[in-house]
């Protein structure tokens, strides 16, 4: 049980780091960027998409990395929008995103 507590503490510490991602913005021009806790941002490229996760490459000048987003991290509609953007590089008409 102690090892599990140490893992959880380390996991939470990573989320508080200056370089940890805070938000993903999909802009009107079809591009997207990731905002970090320290105020920096990186352009996101379309990535690999499955039903349960999306892997997005970060195009930052200083580092080469990817951002992995799994289904439980976002609200279902937000995750669906991210999956659509990552696959097609744009979002459909907002009326098409509303499910009956």
PDB file of N, CA and C in Angstrom:
ATOM      1  N   UNK A   1       0.824  -1.190   0.000  1.00  0.00           N
ATOM      2  CA  UNK A   1       0.000   0.000   0.000  1.00  0.00           C
ATOM      3  C   UNK A   1       0.872   1.259   0.000  1.00  0.00           C
ATOM      4  N   UNK A   2       2.005   1.195   0.667  1.00  0.00           N
ATOM      5  CA  UNK A   2       2.913   2.343   0.711  1.00  0.00           C
ATOM      6  C   UNK A   2       3.442   2.679  -0.686  1.00  0.00           C
ATOM      7  N   UNK A   3       3.737   1.634  -1.474  1.00  0.00           N
ATOM      8  CA  UNK A   3       4.242   1.861  -2.829  1.00  0.00           C
ATOM      9  C   UNK A   3       3.180   2.539  -3.688  1.00  0.00           C
ATOM     10  N   UNK A   4       1.926   2.141  -3.524  1.00  0.00           N
ATOM     11  CA  UNK A   4       0.845   2.761  -4.274  1.00  0.00           C
ATOM     12  C   UNK A   4       0.704   4.239  -3.904  1.00  0.00           C
ATOM     13  N   UNK A   5       0.831   4.550  -2.613  1.00  0.00           N
ATOM     14  CA  UNK A   5       0.779   5.945  -2.172  1.00  0.00           C
ATOM     15  C   UNK A   5       1.901   6.768  -2.772  1.00  0.00           C
ATOM     16  N   UNK A   6       3.089   6.183  -2.852  1.00  0.00           N
ATOM     17  CA  UNK A   6       4.224   6.874  -3.463  1.00  0.00           C
ATOM     18  C   UNK A   6       4.004   7.121  -4.941  1.00  0.00           C
ATOM     19  N   UNK A   7       3.401   6.143  -5.630  1.00  0.00           N
ATOM     20  CA  UNK A   7       3.109   6.310  -7.050  1.00  0.00           C
ATOM     21  C   UNK A   7       2.100   7.433  -7.269  1.00  0.00           C
ATOM     22  N   UNK A   8       1.041   7.454  -6.478  1.00  0.00           N
ATOM     23  CA  UNK A   8       0.013   8.489  -6.618  1.00  0.00           C
ATOM     24  C   UNK A   8       0.594   9.871  -6.323  1.00  0.00           C
ATOM     25  N   UNK A   9       1.431   9.973  -5.300  1.00  0.00           N
ATOM     26  CA  UNK A   9       2.056  11.260  -4.975  1.00  0.00           C
ATOM     27  C   UNK A   9       2.939  11.736  -6.129  1.00  0.00           C
ATOM     28  N   UNK A  10       3.698  10.830  -6.716  1.00  0.00           N
ATOM     29  CA  UNK A  10       4.547  11.191  -7.851  1.00  0.00           C
ATOM     30  C   UNK A  10       3.730  11.595  -9.058  1.00  0.00           C
ATOM     31  N   UNK A  11       2.631  10.882  -9.272  1.00  0.00           N
ATOM     32  CA  UNK A  11       1.741  11.193 -10.382  1.00  0.00           C
ATOM     33  C   UNK A  11       1.154  12.596 -10.237  1.00  0.00           C
ATOM     34  N   UNK A  12       0.708  12.941  -9.055  1.00  0.00           N
ATOM     35  CA  UNK A  12       0.127  14.267  -8.813  1.00  0.00           C
ATOM     36  C   UNK A  12       1.192  15.359  -8.909  1.00  0.00           C
ATOM     37  N   UNK A  13       2.411  15.060  -8.510  1.00  0.00           N
ATOM     38  CA  UNK A  13       3.492  16.039  -8.608  1.00  0.00           C
ATOM     39  C   UNK A  13       3.786  16.369 -10.072  1.00  0.00           C
ATOM     40  N   UNK A  14       3.702  15.375 -10.950  1.00  0.00           N
ATOM     41  CA  UNK A  14       3.927  15.631 -12.373  1.00  0.00           C
ATOM     42  C   UNK A  14       2.871  16.575 -12.943  1.00  0.00           C
ATOM     43  N   UNK A  15       1.655  16.475 -12.448  1.00  0.00           N
ATOM     44  CA  UNK A  15       0.598  17.355 -12.935  1.00  0.00           C
ATOM     45  C   UNK A  15       0.786  18.796 -12.491  1.00  0.00           C
ATOM     46  N   UNK A  16       1.560  19.013 -11.446  1.00  0.00           N
ATOM     47  CA  UNK A  16       1.800  20.370 -10.946  1.00  0.00           C
ATOM     48  C   UNK A  16       3.081  21.000 -11.494  1.00  0.00           C
ATOM     49  N   UNK A  17       3.804  20.269 -12.304  1.00  0.00           N
ATOM     50  CA  UNK A  17       5.060  20.777 -12.851  1.00  0.00           C
ATOM     51  C   UNK A  17       4.800  21.932 -13.817  1.00  0.00           C
ATOM     52  N   UNK A  18       5.806  22.783 -13.988  1.00  0.00           N
ATOM     53  CA  UNK A  18       5.666  23.951 -14.868  1.00  0.00           C
ATOM     54  C   UNK A  18       5.423  23.550 -16.318  1.00  0.00           C
ATOM     55  N   UNK A  19       5.933  22.413 -16.733  1.00  0.00           N
ATOM     56  CA  UNK A  19       5.782  21.988 -18.116  1.00  0.00           C
ATOM     57  C   UNK A  19       4.593  21.083 -18.364  1.00  0.00           C
ATOM     58  N   UNK A  20       3.713  20.940 -17.393  1.00  0.00           N
ATOM     59  CA  UNK A  20       2.563  20.050 -17.589  1.00  0.00           C
ATOM     60  C   UNK A  20       1.464  20.762 -18.378  1.00  0.00           C
ATOM     61  N   UNK A  21       0.779  20.033 -19.249  1.00  0.00           N
ATOM     62  CA  UNK A  21      -0.270  20.653 -20.069  1.00  0.00           C
ATOM     63  C   UNK A  21      -1.483  21.038 -19.235  1.00  0.00           C
ATOM     64  N   UNK A  22      -2.069  22.177 -19.562  1.00  0.00           N
ATOM     65  CA  UNK A  22      -3.254  22.666 -18.855  1.00  0.00           C
ATOM     66  C   UNK A  22      -4.488  22.717 -19.738  1.00  0.00           C
ATOM     67  N   UNK A  23      -4.306  22.982 -21.034  1.00  0.00           N
ATOM     68  CA  UNK A  23      -5.466  23.118 -21.918  1.00  0.00           C
ATOM     69  C   UNK A  23      -5.060  22.845 -23.361  1.00  0.00           C
ATOM     70  N   UNK A  24      -6.044  22.440 -24.143  1.00  0.00           N
ATOM     71  CA  UNK A  24      -5.892  22.305 -25.587  1.00  0.00           C
ATOM     72  C   UNK A  24      -6.900  23.261 -26.215  1.00  0.00           C
ATOM     73  N   UNK A  25      -6.415  24.111 -27.102  1.00  0.00           N
ATOM     74  CA  UNK A  25      -7.282  25.051 -27.802  1.00  0.00           C
ATOM     75  C   UNK A  25      -7.310  24.701 -29.276  1.00  0.00           C
ATOM     76  N   UNK A  26      -8.514  24.531 -29.810  1.00  0.00           N
ATOM     77  CA  UNK A  26      -8.685  24.356 -31.249  1.00  0.00           C
ATOM     78  C   UNK A  26      -9.170  25.693 -31.779  1.00  0.00           C
ATOM     79  N   UNK A  27      -8.373  26.306 -32.631  1.00  0.00           N
ATOM     80  CA  UNK A  27      -8.622  27.664 -33.101  1.00  0.00           C
ATOM     81  C   UNK A  27      -9.525  27.684 -34.329  1.00  0.00           C
ATOM     82  N   UNK A  28     -10.063  28.846 -34.622  1.00  0.00           N
ATOM     83  CA  UNK A  28     -10.997  29.012 -35.740  1.00  0.00           C
ATOM     84  C   UNK A  28     -10.359  28.679 -37.090  1.00  0.00           C
ATOM     85  N   UNK A  29      -9.050  28.879 -37.215  1.00  0.00           N
ATOM     86  CA  UNK A  29      -8.384  28.589 -38.489  1.00  0.00           C
ATOM     87  C   UNK A  29      -8.090  27.100 -38.681  1.00  0.00           C
ATOM     88  N   UNK A  30      -8.471  26.256 -37.721  1.00  0.00           N
ATOM     89  CA  UNK A  30      -8.262  24.818 -37.835  1.00  0.00           C
ATOM     90  C   UNK A  30      -7.015  24.314 -37.147  1.00  0.00           C
ATOM     91  N   UNK A  31      -6.159  25.207 -36.676  1.00  0.00           N
ATOM     92  CA  UNK A  31      -4.973  24.772 -35.950  1.00  0.00           C
ATOM     93  C   UNK A  31      -5.327  24.549 -34.481  1.00  0.00           C
ATOM     94  N   UNK A  32      -4.413  23.908 -33.760  1.00  0.00           N
ATOM     95  CA  UNK A  32      -4.633  23.665 -32.337  1.00  0.00           C
ATOM     96  C   UNK A  32      -3.324  23.874 -31.598  1.00  0.00           C
ATOM     97  N   UNK A  33      -3.451  24.261 -30.335  1.00  0.00           N
ATOM     98  CA  UNK A  33      -2.249  24.425 -29.521  1.00  0.00           C
ATOM     99  C   UNK A  33      -2.501  23.915 -28.118  1.00  0.00           C
ATOM    100  N   UNK A  34      -1.410  23.520 -27.483  1.00  0.00           N
ATOM    101  CA  UNK A  34      -1.441  23.038 -26.106  1.00  0.00           C
ATOM    102  C   UNK A  34      -0.846  24.128 -25.222  1.00  0.00           C
ATOM    103  N   UNK A  35      -1.556  24.492 -24.174  1.00  0.00           N
ATOM    104  CA  UNK A  35      -1.077  25.500 -23.232  1.00  0.00           C
ATOM    105  C   UNK A  35      -0.523  24.802 -22.001  1.00  0.00           C
ATOM    106  N   UNK A  36       0.648  25.240 -21.550  1.00  0.00           N
ATOM    107  CA  UNK A  36       1.322  24.637 -20.404  1.00  0.00           C
ATOM    108  C   UNK A  36       1.178  25.512 -19.167  1.00  0.00           C
ATOM    109  N   UNK A  37       1.448  24.932 -18.014  1.00  0.00           N
ATOM    110  CA  UNK A  37       1.303  25.632 -16.738  1.00  0.00           C
ATOM    111  C   UNK A  37       2.221  26.848 -16.640  1.00  0.00           C
ATOM    112  N   UNK A  38       3.376  26.819 -17.289  1.00  0.00           N
ATOM    113  CA  UNK A  38       4.317  27.932 -17.206  1.00  0.00           C
ATOM    114  C   UNK A  38       4.006  29.047 -18.205  1.00  0.00           C
ATOM    115  N   UNK A  39       2.895  28.953 -18.927  1.00  0.00           N
ATOM    116  CA  UNK A  39       2.500  29.993 -19.865  1.00  0.00           C
ATOM    117  C   UNK A  39       2.949  29.758 -21.290  1.00  0.00           C
ATOM    118  N   UNK A  40       3.813  28.789 -21.519  1.00  0.00           N
ATOM    119  CA  UNK A  40       4.256  28.485 -22.877  1.00  0.00           C
ATOM    120  C   UNK A  40       3.163  27.731 -23.622  1.00  0.00           C
ATOM    121  N   UNK A  41       3.317  27.660 -24.927  1.00  0.00           N
ATOM    122  CA  UNK A  41       2.377  26.889 -25.735  1.00  0.00           C
ATOM    123  C   UNK A  41       3.139  26.164 -26.831  1.00  0.00           C
ATOM    124  N   UNK A  42       2.510  25.150 -27.399  1.00  0.00           N
ATOM    125  CA  UNK A  42       3.105  24.393 -28.495  1.00  0.00           C
ATOM    126  C   UNK A  42       1.991  24.067 -29.484  1.00  0.00           C
ATOM    127  N   UNK A  43       2.345  24.097 -30.757  1.00  0.00           N
ATOM    128  CA  UNK A  43       1.394  23.743 -31.803  1.00  0.00           C
ATOM    129  C   UNK A  43       1.197  22.233 -31.781  1.00  0.00           C
ATOM    130  N   UNK A  44      -0.044  21.805 -31.943  1.00  0.00           N
ATOM    131  CA  UNK A  44      -0.363  20.384 -32.008  1.00  0.00           C
ATOM    132  C   UNK A  44      -0.595  19.995 -33.452  1.00  0.00           C
ATOM    133  N   UNK A  45      -0.084  18.848 -33.824  1.00  0.00           N
ATOM    134  CA  UNK A  45      -0.341  18.321 -35.152  1.00  0.00           C
ATOM    135  C   UNK A  45      -1.372  17.217 -35.077  1.00  0.00           C
ATOM    136  N   UNK A  46      -2.058  16.945 -36.188  1.00  0.00           N
ATOM    137  CA  UNK A  46      -2.982  15.806 -36.183  1.00  0.00           C
ATOM    138  C   UNK A  46      -2.215  14.536 -35.827  1.00  0.00           C
ATOM    139  N   UNK A  47      -2.841  13.704 -35.041  1.00  0.00           N
ATOM    140  CA  UNK A  47      -2.128  12.539 -34.533  1.00  0.00           C
ATOM    141  C   UNK A  47      -2.847  11.240 -34.780  1.00  0.00           C
ATOM    142  N   UNK A  48      -2.525  10.279 -33.949  1.00  0.00           N
ATOM    143  CA  UNK A  48      -3.124   8.953 -34.033  1.00  0.00           C
ATOM    144  C   UNK A  48      -4.379   8.924 -33.175  1.00  0.00           C
ATOM    145  N   UNK A  49      -5.425   8.316 -33.710  1.00  0.00           N
ATOM    146  CA  UNK A  49      -6.725   8.341 -33.055  1.00  0.00           C
ATOM    147  C   UNK A  49      -7.272   6.924 -32.938  1.00  0.00           C
ATOM    148  N   UNK A  50      -7.754   6.590 -31.756  1.00  0.00           N
ATOM    149  CA  UNK A  50      -8.528   5.364 -31.567  1.00  0.00           C
ATOM    150  C   UNK A  50      -9.818   5.749 -30.859  1.00  0.00           C
ATOM    151  N   UNK A  51     -10.617   4.768 -30.561  1.00  0.00           N
ATOM    152  CA  UNK A  51     -11.872   5.034 -29.862  1.00  0.00           C
ATOM    153  C   UNK A  51     -11.649   5.540 -28.446  1.00  0.00           C
ATOM    154  N   UNK A  52     -10.555   5.108 -27.810  1.00  0.00           N
ATOM    155  CA  UNK A  52     -10.349   5.436 -26.401  1.00  0.00           C
ATOM    156  C   UNK A  52      -9.191   6.387 -26.124  1.00  0.00           C
ATOM    157  N   UNK A  53      -8.370   6.727 -27.111  1.00  0.00           N
ATOM    158  CA  UNK A  53      -7.285   7.673 -26.872  1.00  0.00           C
ATOM    159  C   UNK A  53      -6.896   8.408 -28.150  1.00  0.00           C
ATOM    160  N   UNK A  54      -6.227   9.549 -27.932  1.00  0.00           N
ATOM    161  CA  UNK A  54      -5.692  10.375 -29.023  1.00  0.00           C
ATOM    162  C   UNK A  54      -4.259  10.738 -28.652  1.00  0.00           C
ATOM    163  N   UNK A  55      -3.324  10.500 -29.549  1.00  0.00           N
ATOM    164  CA  UNK A  55      -1.924  10.890 -29.346  1.00  0.00           C
ATOM    165  C   UNK A  55      -1.609  12.026 -30.321  1.00  0.00           C
ATOM    166  N   UNK A  56      -1.232  13.176 -29.785  1.00  0.00           N
ATOM    167  CA  UNK A  56      -0.975  14.370 -30.592  1.00  0.00           C
ATOM    168  C   UNK A  56       0.487  14.780 -30.483  1.00  0.00           C
ATOM    169  N   UNK A  57       1.195  14.923 -31.607  1.00  0.00           N
ATOM    170  CA  UNK A  57       2.581  15.388 -31.531  1.00  0.00           C
ATOM    171  C   UNK A  57       2.641  16.883 -31.205  1.00  0.00           C
ATOM    172  N   UNK A  58       3.530  17.234 -30.299  1.00  0.00           N
ATOM    173  CA  UNK A  58       3.778  18.638 -29.950  1.00  0.00           C
ATOM    174  C   UNK A  58       4.866  19.167 -30.864  1.00  0.00           C
ATOM    175  N   UNK A  59       4.615  20.285 -31.488  1.00  0.00           N
ATOM    176  CA  UNK A  59       5.621  20.908 -32.357  1.00  0.00           C
ATOM    177  C   UNK A  59       6.160  22.149 -31.669  1.00  0.00           C
ATOM    178  N   UNK A  60       7.039  21.925 -30.706  1.00  0.00           N
ATOM    179  CA  UNK A  60       7.657  23.020 -29.958  1.00  0.00           C
ATOM    180  C   UNK A  60       9.119  23.141 -30.379  1.00  0.00           C
ATOM    181  N   UNK A  61       9.643  24.338 -30.264  1.00  0.00           N
ATOM    182  CA  UNK A  61      11.026  24.576 -30.685  1.00  0.00           C
ATOM    183  C   UNK A  61      12.025  23.847 -29.793  1.00  0.00           C
ATOM    184  N   UNK A  62      11.720  23.738 -28.509  1.00  0.00           N
ATOM    185  CA  UNK A  62      12.696  23.188 -27.569  1.00  0.00           C
ATOM    186  C   UNK A  62      12.623  21.683 -27.392  1.00  0.00           C
ATOM    187  N   UNK A  63      11.495  21.083 -27.645  1.00  0.00           N
ATOM    188  CA  UNK A  63      11.363  19.665 -27.346  1.00  0.00           C
ATOM    189  C   UNK A  63      10.517  18.944 -28.383  1.00  0.00           C
ATOM    190  N   UNK A  64      10.696  17.663 -28.403  1.00  0.00           N
ATOM    191  CA  UNK A  64       9.905  16.806 -29.281  1.00  0.00           C
ATOM    192  C   UNK A  64       9.172  15.822 -28.370  1.00  0.00           C
ATOM    193  N   UNK A  65       7.864  15.910 -28.348  1.00  0.00           N
ATOM    194  CA  UNK A  65       7.080  15.077 -27.460  1.00  0.00           C
ATOM    195  C   UNK A  65       5.691  14.894 -28.040  1.00  0.00           C
ATOM    196  N   UNK A  66       4.912  14.066 -27.381  1.00  0.00           N
ATOM    197  CA  UNK A  66       3.515  13.851 -27.756  1.00  0.00           C
ATOM    198  C   UNK A  66       2.641  14.006 -26.535  1.00  0.00           C
ATOM    199  N   UNK A  67       1.410  14.331 -26.781  1.00  0.00           N
ATOM    200  CA  UNK A  67       0.422  14.471 -25.724  1.00  0.00           C
ATOM    201  C   UNK A  67      -0.593  13.351 -25.908  1.00  0.00           C
ATOM    202  N   UNK A  68      -0.773  12.528 -24.877  1.00  0.00           N
ATOM    203  CA  UNK A  68      -1.721  11.422 -24.916  1.00  0.00           C
ATOM    204  C   UNK A  68      -2.951  11.807 -24.108  1.00  0.00           C
ATOM    205  N   UNK A  69      -4.103  11.792 -24.749  1.00  0.00           N
ATOM    206  CA  UNK A  69      -5.369  12.117 -24.090  1.00  0.00           C
ATOM    207  C   UNK A  69      -6.247  10.876 -24.167  1.00  0.00           C
ATOM    208  N   UNK A  70      -6.701  10.400 -23.016  1.00  0.00           N
ATOM    209  CA  UNK A  70      -7.588   9.235 -22.991  1.00  0.00           C
ATOM    210  C   UNK A  70      -9.019   9.693 -22.720  1.00  0.00           C
ATOM    211  N   UNK A  71      -9.963   8.836 -23.030  1.00  0.00           N
ATOM    212  CA  UNK A  71     -11.379   9.197 -22.990  1.00  0.00           C
ATOM    213  C   UNK A  71     -11.830   9.750 -21.644  1.00  0.00           C
ATOM    214  N   UNK A  72     -11.349   9.240 -20.547  1.00  0.00           N
ATOM    215  CA  UNK A  72     -11.795   9.686 -19.238  1.00  0.00           C
ATOM    216  C   UNK A  72     -11.284  11.050 -18.815  1.00  0.00           C
ATOM    217  N   UNK A  73     -10.381  11.636 -19.578  1.00  0.00           N
ATOM    218  CA  UNK A  73      -9.813  12.927 -19.213  1.00  0.00           C
ATOM    219  C   UNK A  73     -10.712  14.103 -19.583  1.00  0.00           C
ATOM    220  N   UNK A  74     -11.608  13.902 -20.529  1.00  0.00           N
ATOM    221  CA  UNK A  74     -12.464  14.976 -21.023  1.00  0.00           C
ATOM    222  C   UNK A  74     -13.923  14.543 -20.979  1.00  0.00           C
ATOM    223  N   UNK A  75     -14.799  15.524 -21.032  1.00  0.00           N
ATOM    224  CA  UNK A  75     -16.222  15.229 -21.185  1.00  0.00           C
ATOM    225  C   UNK A  75     -16.413  14.516 -22.525  1.00  0.00           C
ATOM    226  N   UNK A  76     -17.418  13.647 -22.637  1.00  0.00           N
ATOM    227  CA  UNK A  76     -17.587  12.875 -23.877  1.00  0.00           C
ATOM    228  C   UNK A  76     -17.666  13.721 -25.151  1.00  0.00           C
ATOM    229  N   UNK A  77     -18.406  14.837 -25.138  1.00  0.00           N
ATOM    230  CA  UNK A  77     -18.485  15.672 -26.344  1.00  0.00           C
ATOM    231  C   UNK A  77     -17.158  16.344 -26.660  1.00  0.00           C
ATOM    232  N   UNK A  78     -16.422  16.775 -25.631  1.00  0.00           N
ATOM    233  CA  UNK A  78     -15.110  17.392 -25.864  1.00  0.00           C
ATOM    234  C   UNK A  78     -14.129  16.374 -26.428  1.00  0.00           C
ATOM    235  N   UNK A  79     -14.177  15.140 -25.909  1.00  0.00           N
ATOM    236  CA  UNK A  79     -13.280  14.105 -26.423  1.00  0.00           C
ATOM    237  C   UNK A  79     -13.635  13.774 -27.875  1.00  0.00           C
ATOM    238  N   UNK A  80     -14.910  13.754 -28.193  1.00  0.00           N
ATOM    239  CA  UNK A  80     -15.337  13.501 -29.569  1.00  0.00           C
ATOM    240  C   UNK A  80     -14.841  14.597 -30.499  1.00  0.00           C
ATOM    241  N   UNK A  81     -14.936  15.854 -30.072  1.00  0.00           N
ATOM    242  CA  UNK A  81     -14.433  16.969 -30.882  1.00  0.00           C
ATOM    243  C   UNK A  81     -12.919  16.837 -31.102  1.00  0.00           C
ATOM    244  N   UNK A  82     -12.187  16.472 -30.048  1.00  0.00           N
ATOM    245  CA  UNK A  82     -10.739  16.301 -30.174  1.00  0.00           C
ATOM    246  C   UNK A  82     -10.415  15.165 -31.138  1.00  0.00           C
ATOM    247  N   UNK A  83     -11.134  14.066 -31.048  1.00  0.00           N
ATOM    248  CA  UNK A  83     -10.903  12.941 -31.962  1.00  0.00           C
ATOM    249  C   UNK A  83     -11.176  13.351 -33.410  1.00  0.00           C
ATOM    250  N   UNK A  84     -12.260  14.074 -33.641  1.00  0.00           N
ATOM    251  CA  UNK A  84     -12.568  14.531 -34.999  1.00  0.00           C
ATOM    252  C   UNK A  84     -11.487  15.462 -35.535  1.00  0.00           C
ATOM    253  N   UNK A  85     -11.038  16.396 -34.693  1.00  0.00           N
ATOM    254  CA  UNK A  85      -9.989  17.318 -35.139  1.00  0.00           C
ATOM    255  C   UNK A  85      -8.703  16.556 -35.427  1.00  0.00           C
ATOM    256  N   UNK A  86      -8.323  15.637 -34.536  1.00  0.00           N
ATOM    257  CA  UNK A  86      -7.063  14.905 -34.716  1.00  0.00           C
ATOM    258  C   UNK A  86      -7.091  14.044 -35.980  1.00  0.00           C
ATOM    259  N   UNK A  87      -8.247  13.540 -36.326  1.00  0.00           N
ATOM    260  CA  UNK A  87      -8.343  12.698 -37.523  1.00  0.00           C
ATOM    261  C   UNK A  87      -8.406  13.514 -38.800  1.00  0.00           C
ATOM    262  N   UNK A  88      -9.189  14.594 -38.824  1.00  0.00           N
ATOM    263  CA  UNK A  88      -9.437  15.330 -40.062  1.00  0.00           C
ATOM    264  C   UNK A  88      -8.760  16.691 -40.142  1.00  0.00           C
ATOM    265  N   UNK A  89      -8.210  17.193 -39.032  1.00  0.00           N
ATOM    266  CA  UNK A  89      -7.539  18.482 -39.044  1.00  0.00           C
ATOM    267  C   UNK A  89      -8.478  19.671 -39.018  1.00  0.00           C
ATOM    268  N   UNK A  90      -9.748  19.413 -38.803  1.00  0.00           N
ATOM    269  CA  UNK A  90     -10.744  20.483 -38.706  1.00  0.00           C
ATOM    270  C   UNK A  90     -11.950  19.929 -37.963  1.00  0.00           C
ATOM    271  N   UNK A  91     -12.826  20.825 -37.562  1.00  0.00           N
ATOM    272  CA  UNK A  91     -14.061  20.423 -36.895  1.00  0.00           C
ATOM    273  C   UNK A  91     -15.230  20.560 -37.852  1.00  0.00           C
ATOM    274  N   UNK A  92     -16.217  19.684 -37.750  1.00  0.00           N
ATOM    275  CA  UNK A  92     -17.402  19.833 -38.591  1.00  0.00           C
ATOM    276  C   UNK A  92     -18.266  20.987 -38.105  1.00  0.00           C
ATOM    277  N   UNK A  93     -19.305  21.255 -38.822  1.00  0.00           N
ATOM    278  CA  UNK A  93     -20.283  22.263 -38.442  1.00  0.00           C
ATOM    279  C   UNK A  93     -20.788  21.971 -37.025  1.00  0.00           C
ATOM    280  N   UNK A  94     -20.873  22.985 -36.149  1.00  0.00           N
ATOM    281  CA  UNK A  94     -21.307  22.750 -34.770  1.00  0.00           C
ATOM    282  C   UNK A  94     -22.642  22.018 -34.648  1.00  0.00           C
ATOM    283  N   UNK A  95     -23.556  22.229 -35.587  1.00  0.00           N
ATOM    284  CA  UNK A  95     -24.854  21.542 -35.521  1.00  0.00           C
ATOM    285  C   UNK A  95     -24.677  20.042 -35.720  1.00  0.00           C
ATOM    286  N   UNK A  96     -23.656  19.638 -36.471  1.00  0.00           N
ATOM    287  CA  UNK A  96     -23.422  18.217 -36.702  1.00  0.00           C
ATOM    288  C   UNK A  96     -22.854  17.515 -35.476  1.00  0.00           C
ATOM    289  N   UNK A  97     -22.265  18.274 -34.564  1.00  0.00           N
ATOM    290  CA  UNK A  97     -21.675  17.671 -33.356  1.00  0.00           C
ATOM    291  C   UNK A  97     -22.722  17.323 -32.299  1.00  0.00           C
ATOM    292  N   UNK A  98     -23.885  17.945 -32.370  1.00  0.00           N
ATOM    293  CA  UNK A  98     -24.922  17.676 -31.385  1.00  0.00           C
ATOM    294  C   UNK A  98     -25.576  16.341 -31.686  1.00  0.00           C
ATOM    295  N   UNK A  99     -25.522  15.465 -30.699  1.00  0.00           N
ATOM    296  CA  UNK A  99     -26.171  14.156 -30.853  1.00  0.00           C
ATOM    297  C   UNK A  99     -27.566  14.215 -30.290  1.00  0.00           C
ATOM    298  N   UNK A 100     -28.531  13.615 -30.976  1.00  0.00           N
ATOM    299  CA  UNK A 100     -29.909  13.632 -30.450  1.00  0.00           C
ATOM    300  C   UNK A 100     -30.059  12.753 -29.221  1.00  0.00           C
TER     301      UNK A 100
END
